[in-house]
N, C-alpha and C. Protein backbone atom coordinates (compact mmCIF):
# COMPACT_ATOMS: atom_id res chain seq x y z
N MET A 1 184.22 83.91 123.87
CA MET A 1 185.04 85.03 123.40
C MET A 1 184.14 86.05 122.71
N PRO A 2 184.08 87.29 123.17
CA PRO A 2 183.16 88.28 122.62
C PRO A 2 183.54 88.71 121.21
N ARG A 3 182.59 89.39 120.54
CA ARG A 3 182.81 89.84 119.17
C ARG A 3 183.90 90.90 119.10
N THR A 4 184.00 91.74 120.12
CA THR A 4 185.01 92.80 120.14
C THR A 4 185.72 92.78 121.48
N MET A 5 187.02 92.81 121.47
CA MET A 5 187.79 92.85 122.71
C MET A 5 189.20 93.36 122.40
N ARG A 6 189.86 93.82 123.44
CA ARG A 6 191.22 94.33 123.26
C ARG A 6 192.20 93.17 123.33
N CYS A 7 193.15 93.14 122.39
CA CYS A 7 194.14 92.07 122.34
C CYS A 7 195.55 92.64 122.24
N GLU A 8 196.51 91.81 122.59
CA GLU A 8 197.92 92.18 122.46
C GLU A 8 198.69 90.97 121.94
N LEU A 9 199.42 91.16 120.85
CA LEU A 9 200.30 90.12 120.33
C LEU A 9 201.62 90.16 121.10
N VAL A 10 202.00 89.04 121.66
CA VAL A 10 203.26 88.94 122.41
C VAL A 10 204.29 88.29 121.51
N SER A 11 205.43 88.94 121.30
CA SER A 11 206.46 88.43 120.40
C SER A 11 207.36 87.42 121.11
N TRP A 12 208.11 86.65 120.31
CA TRP A 12 209.07 85.71 120.87
C TRP A 12 210.14 86.45 121.69
N SER A 13 210.58 87.60 121.20
CA SER A 13 211.60 88.36 121.93
C SER A 13 211.08 88.86 123.26
N GLU A 14 209.78 89.22 123.30
CA GLU A 14 209.18 89.65 124.57
C GLU A 14 209.06 88.48 125.54
N VAL A 15 208.72 87.31 125.03
CA VAL A 15 208.66 86.11 125.87
C VAL A 15 210.02 85.85 126.51
N GLN A 16 211.07 85.92 125.72
CA GLN A 16 212.41 85.68 126.24
C GLN A 16 212.80 86.72 127.28
N ARG A 17 212.45 87.98 127.01
CA ARG A 17 212.78 89.05 127.96
C ARG A 17 212.04 88.86 129.29
N LEU A 18 210.76 88.51 129.20
CA LEU A 18 209.96 88.32 130.41
C LEU A 18 210.44 87.12 131.22
N CYS A 19 210.81 86.05 130.54
CA CYS A 19 211.29 84.86 131.26
C CYS A 19 212.64 85.12 131.92
N GLN A 20 213.46 85.92 131.26
CA GLN A 20 214.73 86.29 131.87
C GLN A 20 214.50 87.14 133.11
N ARG A 21 213.57 88.08 133.00
CA ARG A 21 213.21 88.92 134.14
C ARG A 21 212.64 88.08 135.28
N LEU A 22 211.78 87.14 134.94
CA LEU A 22 211.18 86.25 135.93
C LEU A 22 212.25 85.44 136.65
N SER A 23 213.19 84.92 135.92
CA SER A 23 214.26 84.12 136.49
C SER A 23 215.15 84.95 137.41
N THR A 24 215.38 86.18 137.03
CA THR A 24 216.18 87.08 137.87
C THR A 24 215.49 87.33 139.21
N LEU A 25 214.19 87.54 139.18
CA LEU A 25 213.43 87.76 140.42
C LEU A 25 213.48 86.53 141.32
N ILE A 26 213.37 85.36 140.73
CA ILE A 26 213.42 84.11 141.51
C ILE A 26 214.80 83.94 142.14
N ARG A 27 215.82 84.17 141.34
CA ARG A 27 217.20 84.02 141.84
C ARG A 27 217.49 85.02 142.96
N GLU A 28 217.07 86.27 142.77
CA GLU A 28 217.34 87.31 143.76
C GLU A 28 216.58 87.09 145.06
N SER A 29 215.47 86.35 144.99
CA SER A 29 214.70 86.06 146.20
C SER A 29 215.36 84.99 147.06
N GLY A 30 216.34 84.29 146.49
CA GLY A 30 217.01 83.22 147.22
C GLY A 30 216.36 81.87 147.09
N TYR A 31 215.29 81.80 146.31
CA TYR A 31 214.59 80.51 146.16
C TYR A 31 215.28 79.68 145.08
N ARG A 32 215.61 78.44 145.42
CA ARG A 32 216.27 77.53 144.49
C ARG A 32 215.41 76.28 144.33
N PRO A 33 214.57 76.24 143.28
CA PRO A 33 213.69 75.09 143.11
C PRO A 33 214.47 73.81 142.81
N ASP A 34 213.97 72.69 143.33
CA ASP A 34 214.51 71.38 142.95
C ASP A 34 213.92 70.93 141.63
N ILE A 35 212.69 71.37 141.38
CA ILE A 35 211.98 70.95 140.17
C ILE A 35 211.04 72.06 139.72
N VAL A 36 210.89 72.20 138.41
CA VAL A 36 209.95 73.15 137.82
C VAL A 36 208.81 72.36 137.19
N ILE A 37 207.58 72.81 137.45
CA ILE A 37 206.40 72.16 136.88
C ILE A 37 205.67 73.17 136.01
N ALA A 38 205.49 72.83 134.74
CA ALA A 38 204.77 73.69 133.81
C ALA A 38 203.29 73.35 133.81
N ILE A 39 202.46 74.37 133.68
CA ILE A 39 201.04 74.15 133.46
C ILE A 39 200.81 74.16 131.95
N GLY A 40 200.40 73.01 131.42
CA GLY A 40 200.17 72.93 129.99
C GLY A 40 198.78 73.42 129.61
N ARG A 41 198.70 74.10 128.42
CA ARG A 41 199.78 74.13 127.46
C ARG A 41 200.59 75.44 127.51
N GLY A 42 200.01 76.49 128.03
CA GLY A 42 200.64 77.80 127.96
C GLY A 42 201.94 77.92 128.71
N GLY A 43 202.15 77.09 129.72
CA GLY A 43 203.33 77.22 130.54
C GLY A 43 204.53 76.43 130.06
N TYR A 44 204.37 75.65 128.98
CA TYR A 44 205.48 74.80 128.53
C TYR A 44 206.72 75.61 128.16
N VAL A 45 206.58 76.58 127.29
CA VAL A 45 207.74 77.36 126.84
C VAL A 45 208.33 78.21 127.96
N PRO A 46 207.50 78.98 128.70
CA PRO A 46 208.07 79.76 129.80
C PRO A 46 208.81 78.91 130.82
N ALA A 47 208.27 77.75 131.16
CA ALA A 47 208.92 76.87 132.14
C ALA A 47 210.27 76.39 131.63
N ARG A 48 210.34 76.04 130.35
CA ARG A 48 211.61 75.58 129.78
C ARG A 48 212.65 76.70 129.79
N LEU A 49 212.24 77.91 129.47
CA LEU A 49 213.17 79.04 129.48
C LEU A 49 213.64 79.37 130.89
N VAL A 50 212.71 79.33 131.85
CA VAL A 50 213.08 79.57 133.24
C VAL A 50 214.09 78.53 133.71
N CYS A 51 213.88 77.28 133.34
CA CYS A 51 214.85 76.22 133.69
C CYS A 51 216.23 76.55 133.12
N ASP A 52 216.24 77.03 131.90
CA ASP A 52 217.50 77.35 131.24
C ASP A 52 218.22 78.49 131.98
N TYR A 53 217.49 79.54 132.31
CA TYR A 53 218.09 80.69 132.99
C TYR A 53 218.54 80.35 134.41
N LEU A 54 217.84 79.42 135.06
CA LEU A 54 218.17 79.06 136.43
C LEU A 54 219.06 77.83 136.51
N ASP A 55 219.39 77.25 135.35
CA ASP A 55 220.23 76.05 135.29
C ASP A 55 219.61 74.90 136.08
N ILE A 56 218.35 74.64 135.80
CA ILE A 56 217.61 73.56 136.46
C ILE A 56 217.26 72.51 135.41
N MET A 57 217.61 71.28 135.68
CA MET A 57 217.35 70.20 134.73
C MET A 57 216.00 69.52 134.94
N ALA A 58 215.52 69.51 136.18
CA ALA A 58 214.28 68.79 136.50
C ALA A 58 213.06 69.61 136.07
N LEU A 59 212.38 69.12 135.04
CA LEU A 59 211.21 69.80 134.50
C LEU A 59 210.15 68.77 134.15
N THR A 60 208.93 69.02 134.61
CA THR A 60 207.80 68.16 134.26
C THR A 60 206.57 69.05 134.10
N SER A 61 205.40 68.43 133.93
CA SER A 61 204.22 69.25 133.67
C SER A 61 202.94 68.56 134.12
N ILE A 62 201.91 69.37 134.21
CA ILE A 62 200.52 68.91 134.34
C ILE A 62 199.73 69.67 133.28
N LYS A 63 198.57 69.17 132.93
CA LYS A 63 197.77 69.86 131.93
C LYS A 63 196.38 70.12 132.47
N ILE A 64 195.98 71.38 132.38
CA ILE A 64 194.67 71.79 132.86
C ILE A 64 193.87 72.32 131.67
N GLU A 65 192.62 71.90 131.56
CA GLU A 65 191.75 72.33 130.47
C GLU A 65 190.50 72.99 131.04
N HIS A 66 189.93 73.85 130.23
CA HIS A 66 188.65 74.48 130.58
C HIS A 66 187.56 73.89 129.70
N TYR A 67 186.42 73.60 130.30
CA TYR A 67 185.31 73.06 129.53
C TYR A 67 184.03 73.77 129.93
N LEU A 68 183.00 73.64 129.10
CA LEU A 68 181.72 74.27 129.35
C LEU A 68 180.74 73.22 129.83
N SER A 69 180.00 73.56 130.89
CA SER A 69 179.02 72.61 131.41
C SER A 69 177.80 73.35 131.91
N GLY A 70 176.68 72.66 131.90
CA GLY A 70 175.47 73.27 132.42
C GLY A 70 174.81 74.19 131.41
N SER A 71 173.59 74.58 131.69
CA SER A 71 172.82 75.42 130.78
C SER A 71 173.38 76.83 130.68
N ASP A 72 174.09 77.28 131.73
CA ASP A 72 174.65 78.63 131.71
C ASP A 72 176.00 78.69 131.02
N LYS A 73 176.52 77.53 130.53
CA LYS A 73 177.80 77.48 129.80
C LYS A 73 178.94 78.07 130.62
N GLN A 74 178.96 77.79 131.90
CA GLN A 74 180.02 78.30 132.77
C GLN A 74 181.33 77.55 132.54
N LYS A 75 182.43 78.29 132.39
CA LYS A 75 183.72 77.65 132.21
C LYS A 75 184.21 77.08 133.53
N GLN A 76 184.73 75.86 133.50
CA GLN A 76 185.31 75.23 134.68
C GLN A 76 186.66 74.63 134.29
N ALA A 77 187.57 74.65 135.24
CA ALA A 77 188.91 74.11 134.99
C ALA A 77 188.99 72.69 135.55
N ILE A 78 189.59 71.79 134.78
CA ILE A 78 189.78 70.42 135.23
C ILE A 78 191.22 70.01 134.94
N ILE A 79 191.74 69.09 135.72
CA ILE A 79 193.08 68.55 135.47
C ILE A 79 192.95 67.40 134.48
N ARG A 80 193.43 67.62 133.27
CA ARG A 80 193.35 66.59 132.24
C ARG A 80 194.45 65.56 132.41
N TYR A 81 195.68 66.03 132.66
CA TYR A 81 196.80 65.14 132.88
C TYR A 81 197.46 65.51 134.21
N PRO A 82 197.25 64.73 135.26
CA PRO A 82 197.79 65.04 136.58
C PRO A 82 199.29 64.79 136.67
N LEU A 83 199.86 65.14 137.80
CA LEU A 83 201.29 64.95 138.01
C LEU A 83 201.59 63.47 138.22
N HIS A 84 202.67 63.01 137.59
CA HIS A 84 203.11 61.62 137.76
C HIS A 84 204.56 61.58 138.21
N THR A 85 204.94 62.53 139.04
CA THR A 85 206.31 62.63 139.54
C THR A 85 206.28 62.81 141.05
N ASP A 86 207.22 62.21 141.74
CA ASP A 86 207.31 62.34 143.19
C ASP A 86 207.98 63.68 143.53
N ILE A 87 207.24 64.58 144.15
CA ILE A 87 207.81 65.87 144.54
C ILE A 87 207.80 66.05 146.07
N LYS A 88 207.59 64.95 146.79
CA LYS A 88 207.56 65.02 148.24
C LYS A 88 208.91 65.51 148.78
N ARG A 89 208.83 66.48 149.69
CA ARG A 89 210.00 67.10 150.34
C ARG A 89 210.91 67.82 149.34
N GLN A 90 210.35 68.24 148.21
CA GLN A 90 211.12 69.02 147.24
C GLN A 90 210.63 70.47 147.18
N ARG A 91 211.53 71.35 146.76
CA ARG A 91 211.15 72.75 146.53
C ARG A 91 210.64 72.85 145.10
N VAL A 92 209.39 73.25 144.96
CA VAL A 92 208.70 73.22 143.66
C VAL A 92 208.44 74.64 143.16
N LEU A 93 208.62 74.84 141.86
CA LEU A 93 208.23 76.09 141.21
C LEU A 93 207.22 75.76 140.11
N LEU A 94 206.03 76.28 140.24
CA LEU A 94 204.97 76.09 139.26
C LEU A 94 204.96 77.28 138.30
N VAL A 95 205.01 77.02 137.00
CA VAL A 95 205.13 78.09 136.00
C VAL A 95 204.00 78.04 134.99
N ASP A 96 203.44 79.23 134.69
CA ASP A 96 202.44 79.37 133.64
C ASP A 96 202.72 80.65 132.86
N ASP A 97 202.04 80.80 131.73
CA ASP A 97 202.27 82.02 130.95
C ASP A 97 201.57 83.23 131.56
N VAL A 98 200.30 83.07 131.97
CA VAL A 98 199.54 84.21 132.46
C VAL A 98 198.66 83.80 133.63
N ASN A 99 198.52 84.70 134.58
CA ASN A 99 197.58 84.55 135.68
C ASN A 99 196.40 85.44 135.35
N ASP A 100 195.36 84.86 134.75
CA ASP A 100 194.23 85.63 134.26
C ASP A 100 193.10 85.65 135.28
N SER A 101 192.24 84.65 135.26
CA SER A 101 191.15 84.60 136.25
C SER A 101 191.64 84.06 137.58
N GLY A 102 192.69 83.25 137.54
CA GLY A 102 193.21 82.63 138.76
C GLY A 102 192.74 81.21 138.94
N ASP A 103 191.76 80.76 138.15
CA ASP A 103 191.20 79.42 138.30
C ASP A 103 192.24 78.33 138.06
N THR A 104 193.04 78.52 137.02
CA THR A 104 194.03 77.50 136.66
C THR A 104 195.06 77.33 137.78
N LEU A 105 195.57 78.44 138.29
CA LEU A 105 196.57 78.36 139.36
C LEU A 105 195.98 77.75 140.63
N GLN A 106 194.74 78.08 140.91
CA GLN A 106 194.10 77.54 142.12
C GLN A 106 193.99 76.03 142.07
N ILE A 107 193.49 75.51 140.95
CA ILE A 107 193.31 74.06 140.86
C ILE A 107 194.66 73.35 140.78
N ALA A 108 195.64 73.97 140.12
CA ALA A 108 196.96 73.37 140.03
C ALA A 108 197.63 73.33 141.40
N THR A 109 197.53 74.42 142.14
CA THR A 109 198.13 74.49 143.47
C THR A 109 197.51 73.46 144.40
N LYS A 110 196.21 73.36 144.38
CA LYS A 110 195.52 72.39 145.23
C LYS A 110 195.95 70.97 144.90
N HIS A 111 196.09 70.67 143.61
CA HIS A 111 196.50 69.34 143.17
C HIS A 111 197.92 69.03 143.63
N LEU A 112 198.83 69.96 143.42
CA LEU A 112 200.24 69.70 143.72
C LEU A 112 200.52 69.65 145.22
N GLN A 113 199.76 70.38 146.00
CA GLN A 113 199.96 70.36 147.45
C GLN A 113 199.66 68.99 148.05
N THR A 114 198.85 68.18 147.36
CA THR A 114 198.55 66.84 147.87
C THR A 114 199.77 65.92 147.79
N PHE A 115 200.80 66.33 147.02
CA PHE A 115 202.01 65.53 146.89
C PHE A 115 203.04 65.89 147.97
N GLN A 116 202.68 66.80 148.85
CA GLN A 116 203.48 67.18 150.02
C GLN A 116 204.89 67.68 149.67
N PRO A 117 204.97 68.71 148.83
CA PRO A 117 206.29 69.30 148.58
C PRO A 117 206.80 70.02 149.82
N ASP A 118 208.10 70.17 149.92
CA ASP A 118 208.68 70.87 151.06
C ASP A 118 208.37 72.36 151.01
N GLU A 119 208.45 72.92 149.79
CA GLU A 119 208.12 74.33 149.59
C GLU A 119 207.54 74.47 148.19
N PHE A 120 206.64 75.44 148.04
CA PHE A 120 205.90 75.56 146.78
C PHE A 120 205.70 77.03 146.44
N ARG A 121 206.14 77.42 145.25
CA ARG A 121 205.95 78.80 144.81
C ARG A 121 205.48 78.82 143.35
N THR A 122 204.87 79.96 142.97
CA THR A 122 204.29 80.09 141.64
C THR A 122 204.93 81.26 140.90
N ALA A 123 204.98 81.14 139.57
CA ALA A 123 205.59 82.18 138.74
C ALA A 123 204.88 82.25 137.39
N VAL A 124 204.64 83.48 136.91
CA VAL A 124 204.02 83.68 135.60
C VAL A 124 204.71 84.85 134.90
N MET A 125 204.58 84.88 133.60
CA MET A 125 205.10 86.03 132.86
C MET A 125 204.19 87.24 133.07
N HIS A 126 202.89 87.05 132.87
CA HIS A 126 201.92 88.15 133.00
C HIS A 126 200.97 87.90 134.16
N HIS A 127 200.81 88.92 134.98
CA HIS A 127 199.90 88.85 136.13
C HIS A 127 198.84 89.94 135.98
N LYS A 128 197.60 89.52 135.72
CA LYS A 128 196.51 90.48 135.54
C LYS A 128 195.90 90.82 136.90
N ILE A 129 195.64 92.10 137.12
CA ILE A 129 195.14 92.52 138.43
C ILE A 129 193.70 92.09 138.66
N THR A 130 193.04 91.58 137.62
CA THR A 130 191.67 91.10 137.76
C THR A 130 191.61 89.68 138.32
N THR A 131 192.75 89.04 138.52
CA THR A 131 192.78 87.66 138.98
C THR A 131 192.33 87.52 140.43
N THR A 132 191.92 86.32 140.79
CA THR A 132 191.54 86.04 142.18
C THR A 132 192.66 85.32 142.92
N SER A 133 193.79 85.06 142.22
CA SER A 133 194.89 84.31 142.83
C SER A 133 196.17 85.14 142.83
N ALA A 134 196.85 85.14 143.95
CA ALA A 134 198.16 85.80 144.04
C ALA A 134 199.23 84.85 143.51
N VAL A 135 200.34 85.41 143.05
CA VAL A 135 201.50 84.60 142.63
C VAL A 135 202.73 85.10 143.38
N ASP A 136 203.72 84.25 143.49
CA ASP A 136 204.95 84.64 144.17
C ASP A 136 205.85 85.50 143.28
N TYR A 137 205.84 85.21 141.98
CA TYR A 137 206.69 85.96 141.04
C TYR A 137 205.93 86.24 139.75
N TYR A 138 206.09 87.44 139.25
CA TYR A 138 205.58 87.77 137.91
C TYR A 138 206.52 88.78 137.28
N ALA A 139 206.63 88.70 135.94
CA ALA A 139 207.54 89.58 135.23
C ALA A 139 206.88 90.89 134.82
N ARG A 140 205.58 90.83 134.58
CA ARG A 140 204.88 92.03 134.13
C ARG A 140 203.46 92.04 134.67
N LYS A 141 203.06 93.18 135.23
CA LYS A 141 201.69 93.34 135.74
C LYS A 141 200.82 93.95 134.64
N VAL A 142 199.66 93.36 134.41
CA VAL A 142 198.72 93.85 133.40
C VAL A 142 197.57 94.55 134.13
N ILE A 143 197.54 95.86 134.02
CA ILE A 143 196.52 96.65 134.73
C ILE A 143 195.25 96.77 133.91
N LYS A 144 195.37 97.12 132.64
CA LYS A 144 194.22 97.20 131.75
C LYS A 144 194.06 95.84 131.06
N TRP A 145 192.95 95.18 131.34
CA TRP A 145 192.76 93.82 130.84
C TRP A 145 192.77 93.78 129.33
N ARG A 146 193.45 92.80 128.77
CA ARG A 146 193.34 92.47 127.35
C ARG A 146 193.70 91.00 127.19
N TRP A 147 193.29 90.46 126.04
CA TRP A 147 193.59 89.07 125.71
C TRP A 147 195.00 89.02 125.16
N LEU A 148 195.86 88.21 125.76
CA LEU A 148 197.24 88.10 125.34
C LEU A 148 197.39 86.93 124.38
N ILE A 149 197.94 87.19 123.20
CA ILE A 149 198.12 86.15 122.19
C ILE A 149 199.61 85.82 122.13
N TYR A 150 199.95 84.64 122.63
CA TYR A 150 201.35 84.23 122.67
C TYR A 150 201.74 83.58 121.35
N PRO A 151 203.04 83.57 121.02
CA PRO A 151 203.49 83.02 119.73
C PRO A 151 203.06 81.59 119.49
N TRP A 152 202.99 80.80 120.56
CA TRP A 152 202.63 79.38 120.40
C TRP A 152 201.13 79.17 120.29
N ALA A 153 200.36 80.25 120.36
CA ALA A 153 198.90 80.12 120.28
C ALA A 153 198.30 81.03 119.21
N MET A 154 199.13 81.55 118.31
CA MET A 154 198.63 82.49 117.31
C MET A 154 197.59 81.87 116.38
N ILE A 155 197.87 80.67 115.89
CA ILE A 155 196.93 80.04 114.96
C ILE A 155 195.61 79.75 115.67
N GLU A 156 195.69 79.22 116.87
CA GLU A 156 194.49 78.89 117.62
C GLU A 156 193.67 80.14 117.94
N ASP A 157 194.32 81.17 118.49
CA ASP A 157 193.60 82.36 118.95
C ASP A 157 193.10 83.22 117.80
N ILE A 158 193.98 83.55 116.87
CA ILE A 158 193.56 84.40 115.76
C ILE A 158 192.57 83.67 114.87
N GLY A 159 192.74 82.36 114.73
CA GLY A 159 191.77 81.57 113.99
C GLY A 159 190.38 81.68 114.60
N GLU A 160 190.32 81.67 115.93
CA GLU A 160 189.04 81.80 116.61
C GLU A 160 188.44 83.19 116.39
N PHE A 161 189.28 84.23 116.41
CA PHE A 161 188.78 85.58 116.13
C PHE A 161 188.24 85.68 114.70
N LEU A 162 188.92 85.06 113.76
CA LEU A 162 188.45 85.07 112.37
C LEU A 162 187.09 84.38 112.26
N ARG A 163 186.92 83.28 112.96
CA ARG A 163 185.65 82.55 112.89
C ARG A 163 184.50 83.34 113.49
N ARG A 164 184.82 84.29 114.35
CA ARG A 164 183.76 85.06 115.01
C ARG A 164 183.42 86.37 114.29
N LEU A 165 184.10 86.64 113.20
CA LEU A 165 183.77 87.84 112.43
C LEU A 165 182.38 87.69 111.81
N SER A 166 181.56 88.71 111.96
CA SER A 166 180.21 88.67 111.41
C SER A 166 179.88 90.04 110.82
N PRO A 167 179.63 90.08 109.50
CA PRO A 167 179.62 88.99 108.52
C PRO A 167 181.03 88.47 108.26
N PRO A 168 181.15 87.33 107.60
CA PRO A 168 182.47 86.75 107.35
C PRO A 168 183.37 87.65 106.52
N ALA A 169 184.66 87.55 106.76
CA ALA A 169 185.63 88.29 105.95
C ALA A 169 185.71 87.65 104.57
N ARG A 170 185.61 88.47 103.53
CA ARG A 170 185.58 87.93 102.16
C ARG A 170 186.98 87.81 101.55
N THR A 171 187.92 88.58 102.07
CA THR A 171 189.28 88.54 101.54
C THR A 171 190.28 88.60 102.69
N LEU A 172 191.52 88.26 102.37
CA LEU A 172 192.59 88.35 103.36
C LEU A 172 192.77 89.79 103.83
N MET A 173 192.70 90.74 102.90
CA MET A 173 192.87 92.14 103.26
C MET A 173 191.75 92.61 104.20
N GLU A 174 190.53 92.17 103.91
CA GLU A 174 189.40 92.53 104.77
C GLU A 174 189.56 91.93 106.16
N ALA A 175 190.01 90.68 106.21
CA ALA A 175 190.23 90.03 107.50
C ALA A 175 191.27 90.78 108.32
N GLN A 176 192.34 91.18 107.68
CA GLN A 176 193.40 91.93 108.36
C GLN A 176 192.86 93.23 108.93
N LYS A 177 192.08 93.95 108.13
CA LYS A 177 191.52 95.23 108.55
C LYS A 177 190.56 95.08 109.73
N ARG A 178 189.69 94.09 109.66
CA ARG A 178 188.67 93.93 110.70
C ARG A 178 189.25 93.38 111.99
N LEU A 179 190.30 92.57 111.89
CA LEU A 179 190.98 92.13 113.11
C LEU A 179 191.57 93.32 113.85
N ALA A 180 192.11 94.26 113.09
CA ALA A 180 192.68 95.47 113.70
C ALA A 180 191.59 96.34 114.30
N GLU A 181 190.48 96.49 113.60
CA GLU A 181 189.39 97.36 114.05
C GLU A 181 188.66 96.79 115.26
N GLN A 182 188.37 95.50 115.24
CA GLN A 182 187.54 94.90 116.29
C GLN A 182 188.34 94.40 117.49
N PHE A 183 189.58 93.98 117.25
CA PHE A 183 190.34 93.37 118.33
C PHE A 183 191.69 94.02 118.60
N GLY A 184 192.04 95.01 117.79
CA GLY A 184 193.33 95.65 117.98
C GLY A 184 194.50 94.77 117.58
N ILE A 185 194.25 93.76 116.75
CA ILE A 185 195.30 92.83 116.32
C ILE A 185 195.95 93.37 115.05
N GLU A 186 197.16 93.86 115.18
CA GLU A 186 197.91 94.37 114.04
C GLU A 186 198.85 93.26 113.56
N ILE A 187 198.50 92.66 112.45
CA ILE A 187 199.27 91.53 111.94
C ILE A 187 199.45 91.68 110.43
N SER A 188 200.63 91.35 109.93
CA SER A 188 200.90 91.48 108.51
C SER A 188 200.12 90.44 107.72
N GLN A 189 199.86 90.75 106.46
CA GLN A 189 199.15 89.78 105.62
C GLN A 189 199.96 88.50 105.45
N GLN A 190 201.27 88.62 105.45
CA GLN A 190 202.12 87.44 105.31
C GLN A 190 201.93 86.47 106.46
N ARG A 191 201.88 87.01 107.69
CA ARG A 191 201.68 86.16 108.87
C ARG A 191 200.23 85.67 108.96
N LEU A 192 199.30 86.51 108.53
CA LEU A 192 197.88 86.16 108.63
C LEU A 192 197.47 85.14 107.58
N LYS A 193 198.15 85.12 106.45
CA LYS A 193 197.73 84.31 105.31
C LYS A 193 197.58 82.83 105.67
N VAL A 194 198.53 82.28 106.39
CA VAL A 194 198.47 80.86 106.75
C VAL A 194 197.25 80.58 107.63
N ILE A 195 197.02 81.45 108.61
CA ILE A 195 195.88 81.27 109.52
C ILE A 195 194.57 81.41 108.76
N TYR A 196 194.50 82.44 107.92
CA TYR A 196 193.29 82.71 107.14
C TYR A 196 192.94 81.53 106.24
N GLU A 197 193.94 80.97 105.57
CA GLU A 197 193.69 79.84 104.68
C GLU A 197 193.28 78.59 105.44
N MET A 198 193.84 78.40 106.63
CA MET A 198 193.45 77.24 107.43
C MET A 198 191.99 77.35 107.86
N VAL A 199 191.57 78.54 108.28
CA VAL A 199 190.19 78.76 108.70
C VAL A 199 189.25 78.63 107.51
N ALA A 200 189.65 79.21 106.37
CA ALA A 200 188.79 79.19 105.17
C ALA A 200 188.59 77.78 104.64
N SER A 201 189.53 76.89 104.90
CA SER A 201 189.44 75.52 104.37
C SER A 201 188.49 74.64 105.17
N LYS A 202 188.08 75.12 106.34
CA LYS A 202 187.20 74.33 107.18
C LYS A 202 185.74 74.64 106.88
N PRO A 203 184.86 73.63 106.96
CA PRO A 203 183.43 73.87 106.72
C PRO A 203 182.86 74.86 107.72
N ASN A 204 181.90 75.66 107.27
CA ASN A 204 181.21 76.63 108.13
C ASN A 204 182.15 77.67 108.72
N SER A 205 183.22 77.98 107.99
CA SER A 205 184.15 79.00 108.48
C SER A 205 183.59 80.38 108.18
N ASN A 206 184.21 81.38 108.79
CA ASN A 206 183.81 82.76 108.57
C ASN A 206 184.78 83.47 107.64
N CYS A 207 185.41 82.72 106.75
CA CYS A 207 186.31 83.29 105.76
C CYS A 207 185.98 82.69 104.41
N SER A 208 186.16 83.49 103.38
CA SER A 208 185.90 83.01 102.03
C SER A 208 187.20 82.64 101.37
N SER A 209 187.26 81.44 100.77
CA SER A 209 188.47 81.01 100.10
C SER A 209 188.40 81.37 98.63
């Protein structure tokens, strides 16, 4: 994660709106999934909301992680928790929060196709045009790349941005200001305080307690 990058905070209300839009597109296409599969961890909430809007009870998941390997520190995607459900001859909908590089969707699709579903489609809330993978459904196209911070990943993502501040932020107010300047993250001190204190409590953090 670079020292400076463009970010966007995604609200809970925006998540709900995008999932409703996504579900409408799926319904209008005539596709009726037998089962929804979430890509963990980012796809858990969107998949559950899509199930609710489409009145689908069958929901399961797989988990894909990225790790660094080799001297060049290249990111690679691996399936940490594979599918343990029979989806043979079923209509499957794979759901994730964002289609960014496309690596996650590619490895997930390849894995699930080995289970011989009858039909297989993909859906995401955000589809970035920089991706290498196409999706069947998306609620919003992202033309200008930025890092999307979802509500369920705020502590993880913003905590990482705080740790990368150089020199370290000496106060909560300074952290708030520099997050806005370097990453475009506009967050209230009330919301930031919990994250800031968690980062400051850890050894070798970039925040002063």
